[in-house]
Amino acid sequence: MAHLRSNGEVARRRRVLAPRGPLHPHPEAPVTGGHPSRRWRLGAPRRSCCTAEPPEAPPESLNLVGRATVSWVVVFAGFHIYWALGGTFGFGDASTTVPPVHSATQWAYTVLVTGLFVVGAALPFALYRSWGRALPRWLLHGCAWIGGALLGLRGFSGLLDTALRRTGLMKNGLTGLTYQQILGVAHPDAYTLWSSSAIDLYFATGGVLYCLLALAHQRARPPTP
């Protein structure tokens, strides 16, 4: 009897000393009602079914090419703003840095180039930043490939044109235009020619970067919804 009394006393003490509350219910608390599959004891850890997972980070290759393309855009935009304000660095003996606009066709061409520039400047950000996921992937890929093709065509054709002129294979290059028509001087010096080639090379570099960015974005696994 003493042994049973001592055991009952120990059990009674355990019930008294057991912490109680919403997270620590009474040890003998019954299971709550409801469907058996949904029953749980008070104090059991709860799992949230609505916790949003953090967005998947883009691959490192996409980040690297994206940052390089953005840097290219910043330098490209900076020089064009500088030239639009009257700066001449990079043009050598060229008489003008901004072609005059007189006819409606020239105005339309200027508006088209400006629109392409705005889209092309925002495109690298959309391709490797998270907010760009709201746009269709096919639209981003198409714009990137088209932008890369246009920049590459502008840059590599300019380099080829200069090479043909300097080697004497084609006196007026691919365009058939003289230096006077292109640069505003009939006999440009070496600084002017090298500056023109540097601009062509920069366009070609931009074309390569945009194509690499489109390729890296295509190879990246699309985020799971």
C-alpha atoms as a PDB file:
ATOM      1  CA  MET A   1       0.000   0.000   0.000  1.00  0.00           C
ATOM      2  CA  ALA A   2       2.804   2.366   0.775  1.00  0.00           C
ATOM      3  CA  HIS A   3       4.359   1.574  -2.585  1.00  0.00           C
ATOM      4  CA  LEU A   4       1.102   2.341  -4.426  1.00  0.00           C
ATOM      5  CA  ARG A   5       0.630   5.500  -2.359  1.00  0.00           C
ATOM      6  CA  SER A   6       4.100   6.696  -3.251  1.00  0.00           C
ATOM      7  CA  ASN A   7       3.535   6.028  -6.950  1.00  0.00           C
ATOM      8  CA  GLY A   8       0.242   7.899  -6.886  1.00  0.00           C
ATOM      9  CA  GLU A   9       1.893  10.789  -5.075  1.00  0.00           C
ATOM     10  CA  VAL A  10       4.656  10.996  -7.723  1.00  0.00           C
ATOM     11  CA  ALA A  11       2.133  11.001 -10.576  1.00  0.00           C
ATOM     12  CA  ARG A  12       0.089  13.667  -8.799  1.00  0.00           C
ATOM     13  CA  ARG A  13       3.174  15.835  -8.342  1.00  0.00           C
ATOM     14  CA  ARG A  14       4.100  15.460 -12.015  1.00  0.00           C
ATOM     15  CA  ARG A  15       0.657  16.681 -13.047  1.00  0.00           C
ATOM     16  CA  VAL A  16       0.907  19.639 -10.714  1.00  0.00           C
ATOM     17  CA  LEU A  17       4.444  20.619 -11.792  1.00  0.00           C
ATOM     18  CA  ALA A  18       3.819  20.122 -15.513  1.00  0.00           C
ATOM     19  CA  PRO A  19       3.717  23.515 -17.308  1.00  0.00           C
ATOM     20  CA  ARG A  20       0.318  24.456 -18.573  1.00  0.00           C
ATOM     21  CA  GLY A  21      -0.856  26.897 -21.202  1.00  0.00           C
ATOM     22  CA  PRO A  22      -1.659  26.997 -24.905  1.00  0.00           C
ATOM     23  CA  LEU A  23       1.757  25.590 -25.788  1.00  0.00           C
ATOM     24  CA  HIS A  24       2.047  23.154 -22.865  1.00  0.00           C
ATOM     25  CA  PRO A  25      -1.401  21.676 -22.115  1.00  0.00           C
ATOM     26  CA  HIS A  26      -2.220  19.336 -19.350  1.00  0.00           C
ATOM     27  CA  PRO A  27      -0.512  15.968 -19.932  1.00  0.00           C
ATOM     28  CA  GLU A  28      -3.879  14.253 -19.934  1.00  0.00           C
ATOM     29  CA  ALA A  29      -5.632  16.819 -22.149  1.00  0.00           C
ATOM     30  CA  PRO A  30      -7.866  15.032 -24.671  1.00  0.00           C
ATOM     31  CA  VAL A  31      -7.457  15.305 -28.392  1.00  0.00           C
ATOM     32  CA  THR A  32      -9.632  18.035 -29.905  1.00  0.00           C
ATOM     33  CA  GLY A  33     -12.664  17.039 -31.890  1.00  0.00           C
ATOM     34  CA  GLY A  34     -13.133  17.063 -35.627  1.00  0.00           C
ATOM     35  CA  HIS A  35     -12.161  14.715 -38.364  1.00  0.00           C
ATOM     36  CA  PRO A  36      -9.479  12.212 -37.251  1.00  0.00           C
ATOM     37  CA  SER A  37      -7.140  13.331 -40.024  1.00  0.00           C
ATOM     38  CA  ARG A  38      -7.273  16.898 -38.725  1.00  0.00           C
ATOM     39  CA  ARG A  39      -6.871  16.169 -35.031  1.00  0.00           C
ATOM     40  CA  TRP A  40      -3.872  17.554 -33.233  1.00  0.00           C
ATOM     41  CA  ARG A  41      -2.949  18.001 -29.629  1.00  0.00           C
ATOM     42  CA  LEU A  42      -2.659  21.454 -28.157  1.00  0.00           C
ATOM     43  CA  GLY A  43       0.943  22.509 -27.934  1.00  0.00           C
ATOM     44  CA  ALA A  44       2.009  20.617 -31.098  1.00  0.00           C
ATOM     45  CA  PRO A  45       4.148  22.726 -33.441  1.00  0.00           C
ATOM     46  CA  ARG A  46       2.115  24.331 -36.188  1.00  0.00           C
ATOM     47  CA  ARG A  47       3.213  24.406 -39.797  1.00  0.00           C
ATOM     48  CA  SER A  48       2.218  27.328 -41.923  1.00  0.00           C
ATOM     49  CA  CYS A  49       0.968  26.374 -45.364  1.00  0.00           C
ATOM     50  CA  CYS A  50       1.056  29.939 -46.668  1.00  0.00           C
ATOM     51  CA  THR A  51       4.682  30.838 -45.988  1.00  0.00           C
ATOM     52  CA  ALA A  52       6.113  32.356 -49.173  1.00  0.00           C
ATOM     53  CA  GLU A  53       9.429  30.957 -50.247  1.00  0.00           C
ATOM     54  CA  PRO A  54      12.150  33.467 -51.140  1.00  0.00           C
ATOM     55  CA  PRO A  55      12.562  34.043 -54.900  1.00  0.00           C
ATOM     56  CA  GLU A  56      15.106  31.829 -56.564  1.00  0.00           C
ATOM     57  CA  ALA A  57      18.352  33.656 -57.230  1.00  0.00           C
ATOM     58  CA  PRO A  58      19.454  33.848 -60.876  1.00  0.00           C
ATOM     59  CA  PRO A  59      22.532  31.864 -61.938  1.00  0.00           C
ATOM     60  CA  GLU A  60      25.911  33.485 -61.412  1.00  0.00           C
ATOM     61  CA  SER A  61      26.610  33.497 -65.162  1.00  0.00           C
ATOM     62  CA  LEU A  62      23.419  35.499 -65.766  1.00  0.00           C
ATOM     63  CA  ASN A  63      24.355  37.955 -63.016  1.00  0.00           C
ATOM     64  CA  LEU A  64      27.854  38.397 -64.428  1.00  0.00           C
ATOM     65  CA  VAL A  65      26.748  39.026 -68.014  1.00  0.00           C
ATOM     66  CA  GLY A  66      23.875  41.193 -66.799  1.00  0.00           C
ATOM     67  CA  ARG A  67      26.167  43.480 -64.811  1.00  0.00           C
ATOM     68  CA  ALA A  68      28.618  43.717 -67.709  1.00  0.00           C
ATOM     69  CA  THR A  69      25.815  44.671 -70.111  1.00  0.00           C
ATOM     70  CA  VAL A  70      24.426  47.251 -67.690  1.00  0.00           C
ATOM     71  CA  SER A  71      27.903  48.794 -67.378  1.00  0.00           C
ATOM     72  CA  TRP A  72      28.118  48.933 -71.167  1.00  0.00           C
ATOM     73  CA  VAL A  73      24.746  50.706 -71.317  1.00  0.00           C
ATOM     74  CA  VAL A  74      25.791  53.274 -68.698  1.00  0.00           C
ATOM     75  CA  VAL A  75      28.966  54.208 -70.600  1.00  0.00           C
ATOM     76  CA  PHE A  76      27.079  54.216 -73.911  1.00  0.00           C
ATOM     77  CA  ALA A  77      24.379  56.532 -72.550  1.00  0.00           C
ATOM     78  CA  GLY A  78      26.934  58.800 -70.865  1.00  0.00           C
ATOM     79  CA  PHE A  79      28.868  59.402 -74.067  1.00  0.00           C
ATOM     80  CA  HIS A  80      25.732  60.087 -76.097  1.00  0.00           C
ATOM     81  CA  ILE A  81      24.532  62.634 -73.542  1.00  0.00           C
ATOM     82  CA  TYR A  82      27.983  64.233 -73.604  1.00  0.00           C
ATOM     83  CA  TRP A  83      27.934  64.437 -77.421  1.00  0.00           C
ATOM     84  CA  ALA A  84      24.368  65.752 -77.456  1.00  0.00           C
ATOM     85  CA  LEU A  85      25.486  68.599 -75.185  1.00  0.00           C
ATOM     86  CA  GLY A  86      28.232  69.557 -77.633  1.00  0.00           C
ATOM     87  CA  GLY A  87      31.182  67.433 -76.527  1.00  0.00           C
ATOM     88  CA  THR A  88      33.617  66.356 -79.242  1.00  0.00           C
ATOM     89  CA  PHE A  89      35.920  63.885 -77.477  1.00  0.00           C
ATOM     90  CA  GLY A  90      36.029  60.681 -79.483  1.00  0.00           C
ATOM     91  CA  PHE A  91      35.187  62.281 -82.810  1.00  0.00           C
ATOM     92  CA  GLY A  92      38.557  63.765 -83.711  1.00  0.00           C
ATOM     93  CA  ASP A  93      38.300  66.224 -86.610  1.00  0.00           C
ATOM     94  CA  ALA A  94      34.620  65.508 -87.232  1.00  0.00           C
ATOM     95  CA  SER A  95      32.767  68.763 -87.772  1.00  0.00           C
ATOM     96  CA  THR A  96      29.627  67.620 -85.955  1.00  0.00           C
ATOM     97  CA  THR A  97      28.779  64.938 -83.414  1.00  0.00           C
ATOM     98  CA  VAL A  98      24.994  65.005 -83.875  1.00  0.00           C
ATOM     99  CA  PRO A  99      23.632  64.732 -87.421  1.00  0.00           C
ATOM    100  CA  PRO A 100      21.261  67.563 -88.347  1.00  0.00           C
ATOM    101  CA  VAL A 101      17.555  66.781 -88.524  1.00  0.00           C
ATOM    102  CA  HIS A 102      15.537  68.650 -91.146  1.00  0.00           C
ATOM    103  CA  SER A 103      13.065  66.392 -92.937  1.00  0.00           C
ATOM    104  CA  ALA A 104      10.180  64.340 -91.559  1.00  0.00           C
ATOM    105  CA  THR A 105      12.061  61.170 -92.445  1.00  0.00           C
ATOM    106  CA  GLN A 106      15.021  62.250 -90.345  1.00  0.00           C
ATOM    107  CA  TRP A 107      12.727  63.085 -87.442  1.00  0.00           C
ATOM    108  CA  ALA A 108      11.048  59.687 -87.698  1.00  0.00           C
ATOM    109  CA  TYR A 109      14.442  58.002 -87.759  1.00  0.00           C
ATOM    110  CA  THR A 110      15.542  59.978 -84.693  1.00  0.00           C
ATOM    111  CA  VAL A 111      12.388  59.016 -82.774  1.00  0.00           C
ATOM    112  CA  LEU A 112      12.834  55.362 -83.747  1.00  0.00           C
ATOM    113  CA  VAL A 113      16.467  55.301 -82.625  1.00  0.00           C
ATOM    114  CA  THR A 114      15.547  57.026 -79.344  1.00  0.00           C
ATOM    115  CA  GLY A 115      12.821  54.462 -78.652  1.00  0.00           C
ATOM    116  CA  LEU A 116      15.177  51.586 -79.396  1.00  0.00           C
ATOM    117  CA  PHE A 117      17.742  53.145 -77.087  1.00  0.00           C
ATOM    118  CA  VAL A 118      15.253  53.397 -74.199  1.00  0.00           C
ATOM    119  CA  VAL A 119      14.113  49.786 -74.619  1.00  0.00           C
ATOM    120  CA  GLY A 120      17.677  48.563 -75.020  1.00  0.00           C
ATOM    121  CA  ALA A 121      18.805  50.404 -71.891  1.00  0.00           C
ATOM    122  CA  ALA A 122      16.072  48.831 -69.736  1.00  0.00           C
ATOM    123  CA  LEU A 123      16.397  45.351 -71.229  1.00  0.00           C
ATOM    124  CA  PRO A 124      19.537  44.182 -69.341  1.00  0.00           C
ATOM    125  CA  PHE A 125      17.898  45.058 -66.020  1.00  0.00           C
ATOM    126  CA  ALA A 126      14.758  43.101 -66.936  1.00  0.00           C
ATOM    127  CA  LEU A 127      16.779  40.058 -67.964  1.00  0.00           C
ATOM    128  CA  TYR A 128      18.675  39.532 -64.725  1.00  0.00           C
ATOM    129  CA  ARG A 129      16.643  41.381 -62.073  1.00  0.00           C
ATOM    130  CA  SER A 130      13.642  39.831 -60.334  1.00  0.00           C
ATOM    131  CA  TRP A 131      11.083  42.402 -61.560  1.00  0.00           C
ATOM    132  CA  GLY A 132      11.717  41.269 -65.127  1.00  0.00           C
ATOM    133  CA  ARG A 133       9.997  37.957 -64.367  1.00  0.00           C
ATOM    134  CA  ALA A 134       6.650  39.696 -64.792  1.00  0.00           C
ATOM    135  CA  LEU A 135       7.388  40.050 -68.524  1.00  0.00           C
ATOM    136  CA  PRO A 136       7.060  37.154 -70.986  1.00  0.00           C
ATOM    137  CA  ARG A 137      10.319  35.296 -71.468  1.00  0.00           C
ATOM    138  CA  TRP A 138       9.853  35.124 -75.240  1.00  0.00           C
ATOM    139  CA  LEU A 139       9.546  38.914 -75.375  1.00  0.00           C
ATOM    140  CA  LEU A 140      12.759  39.432 -73.390  1.00  0.00           C
ATOM    141  CA  HIS A 141      14.645  36.872 -75.468  1.00  0.00           C
ATOM    142  CA  GLY A 142      13.424  38.334 -78.750  1.00  0.00           C
ATOM    143  CA  CYS A 143      14.363  41.897 -77.802  1.00  0.00           C
ATOM    144  CA  ALA A 144      17.785  40.803 -76.555  1.00  0.00           C
ATOM    145  CA  TRP A 145      18.605  38.860 -79.721  1.00  0.00           C
ATOM    146  CA  ILE A 146      17.373  41.680 -81.958  1.00  0.00           C
ATOM    147  CA  GLY A 147      19.314  44.266 -79.966  1.00  0.00           C
ATOM    148  CA  GLY A 148      22.463  42.155 -80.088  1.00  0.00           C
ATOM    149  CA  ALA A 149      22.079  41.655 -83.845  1.00  0.00           C
ATOM    150  CA  LEU A 150      21.596  45.375 -84.526  1.00  0.00           C
ATOM    151  CA  LEU A 151      24.514  46.440 -82.346  1.00  0.00           C
ATOM    152  CA  GLY A 152      26.749  43.738 -83.784  1.00  0.00           C
ATOM    153  CA  LEU A 153      25.781  44.663 -87.348  1.00  0.00           C
ATOM    154  CA  ARG A 154      26.538  48.323 -86.659  1.00  0.00           C
ATOM    155  CA  GLY A 155      29.878  47.607 -85.004  1.00  0.00           C
ATOM    156  CA  PHE A 156      31.322  44.842 -87.170  1.00  0.00           C
ATOM    157  CA  SER A 157      30.204  46.461 -90.416  1.00  0.00           C
ATOM    158  CA  GLY A 158      31.945  49.669 -89.345  1.00  0.00           C
ATOM    159  CA  LEU A 159      35.144  47.799 -88.578  1.00  0.00           C
ATOM    160  CA  LEU A 160      34.982  46.021 -91.933  1.00  0.00           C
ATOM    161  CA  ASP A 161      34.273  49.292 -93.727  1.00  0.00           C
ATOM    162  CA  THR A 162      37.339  50.906 -92.178  1.00  0.00           C
ATOM    163  CA  ALA A 163      39.505  47.893 -93.002  1.00  0.00           C
ATOM    164  CA  LEU A 164      38.425  47.941 -96.647  1.00  0.00           C
ATOM    165  CA  ARG A 165      39.168  51.667 -96.914  1.00  0.00           C
ATOM    166  CA  ARG A 166      42.561  51.461 -95.243  1.00  0.00           C
ATOM    167  CA  THR A 167      43.737  48.458 -97.276  1.00  0.00           C
ATOM    168  CA  GLY A 168      42.573  50.010-100.543  1.00  0.00           C
ATOM    169  CA  LEU A 169      40.302  47.102-101.441  1.00  0.00           C
ATOM    170  CA  MET A 170      37.311  49.446-101.559  1.00  0.00           C
ATOM    171  CA  LYS A 171      38.055  53.159-101.714  1.00  0.00           C
ATOM    172  CA  ASN A 172      34.719  54.204-100.235  1.00  0.00           C
ATOM    173  CA  GLY A 173      34.135  51.123 -98.136  1.00  0.00           C
ATOM    174  CA  LEU A 174      30.874  49.217 -97.823  1.00  0.00           C
ATOM    175  CA  THR A 175      28.654  52.285 -97.865  1.00  0.00           C
ATOM    176  CA  GLY A 176      30.170  53.944-100.934  1.00  0.00           C
ATOM    177  CA  LEU A 177      30.391  57.219 -98.996  1.00  0.00           C
ATOM    178  CA  THR A 178      33.523  59.350 -98.801  1.00  0.00           C
ATOM    179  CA  TYR A 179      35.173  60.509 -95.582  1.00  0.00           C
ATOM    180  CA  GLN A 180      33.809  63.965 -96.345  1.00  0.00           C
ATOM    181  CA  GLN A 181      30.269  62.615 -96.312  1.00  0.00           C
ATOM    182  CA  ILE A 182      30.784  60.523 -93.189  1.00  0.00           C
ATOM    183  CA  LEU A 183      33.094  62.596 -90.976  1.00  0.00           C
ATOM    184  CA  GLY A 184      32.847  66.026 -92.513  1.00  0.00           C
ATOM    185  CA  VAL A 185      36.547  66.114 -93.459  1.00  0.00           C
ATOM    186  CA  ALA A 186      38.078  64.836 -96.682  1.00  0.00           C
ATOM    187  CA  HIS A 187      41.371  63.731 -95.137  1.00  0.00           C
ATOM    188  CA  PRO A 188      40.884  62.719 -91.484  1.00  0.00           C
ATOM    189  CA  ASP A 189      43.945  62.341 -89.293  1.00  0.00           C
ATOM    190  CA  ALA A 190      44.934  59.183 -87.421  1.00  0.00           C
ATOM    191  CA  TYR A 191      43.197  60.303 -84.223  1.00  0.00           C
ATOM    192  CA  THR A 192      39.883  60.658 -86.053  1.00  0.00           C
ATOM    193  CA  LEU A 193      40.223  57.273 -87.734  1.00  0.00           C
ATOM    194  CA  TRP A 194      41.178  55.523 -84.508  1.00  0.00           C
ATOM    195  CA  SER A 195      38.303  57.222 -82.695  1.00  0.00           C
ATOM    196  CA  SER A 196      35.887  56.023 -85.356  1.00  0.00           C
ATOM    197  CA  SER A 197      37.218  52.477 -85.066  1.00  0.00           C
ATOM    198  CA  ALA A 198      36.935  52.601 -81.271  1.00  0.00           C
ATOM    199  CA  ILE A 199      33.263  53.565 -81.554  1.00  0.00           C
ATOM    200  CA  ASP A 200      32.662  50.710 -84.001  1.00  0.00           C
ATOM    201  CA  LEU A 201      34.402  48.310 -81.631  1.00  0.00           C
ATOM    202  CA  TYR A 202      32.262  49.488 -78.748  1.00  0.00           C
ATOM    203  CA  PHE A 203      29.091  48.803 -80.743  1.00  0.00           C
ATOM    204  CA  ALA A 204      30.403  45.333 -81.609  1.00  0.00           C
ATOM    205  CA  THR A 205      31.143  44.650 -77.941  1.00  0.00           C
ATOM    206  CA  GLY A 206      27.603  45.645 -77.037  1.00  0.00           C
ATOM    207  CA  GLY A 207      26.226  43.266 -79.646  1.00  0.00           C
ATOM    208  CA  VAL A 208      28.226  40.381 -78.196  1.00  0.00           C
ATOM    209  CA  LEU A 209      27.115  41.221 -74.640  1.00  0.00           C
ATOM    210  CA  TYR A 210      23.426  41.369 -75.543  1.00  0.00           C
ATOM    211  CA  CYS A 211      23.629  38.018 -77.338  1.00  0.00           C
ATOM    212  CA  LEU A 212      25.436  36.442 -74.376  1.00  0.00           C
ATOM    213  CA  LEU A 213      22.830  37.873 -72.012  1.00  0.00           C
ATOM    214  CA  ALA A 214      19.996  36.439 -74.102  1.00  0.00           C
ATOM    215  CA  LEU A 215      21.727  33.055 -74.189  1.00  0.00           C
ATOM    216  CA  ALA A 216      22.375  33.031 -70.428  1.00  0.00           C
ATOM    217  CA  HIS A 217      18.758  33.961 -69.732  1.00  0.00           C
ATOM    218  CA  GLN A 218      17.479  31.209 -72.010  1.00  0.00           C
ATOM    219  CA  ARG A 219      19.643  28.606 -70.278  1.00  0.00           C
ATOM    220  CA  ALA A 220      18.534  29.719 -66.824  1.00  0.00           C
ATOM    221  CA  ARG A 221      15.765  27.566 -65.384  1.00  0.00           C
ATOM    222  CA  PRO A 222      12.526  29.577 -65.207  1.00  0.00           C
ATOM    223  CA  PRO A 223      11.373  30.236 -61.638  1.00  0.00           C
ATOM    224  CA  THR A 224       8.755  27.868 -60.284  1.00  0.00           C
ATOM    225  CA  PRO A 225       5.399  29.508 -59.570  1.00  0.00           C
END
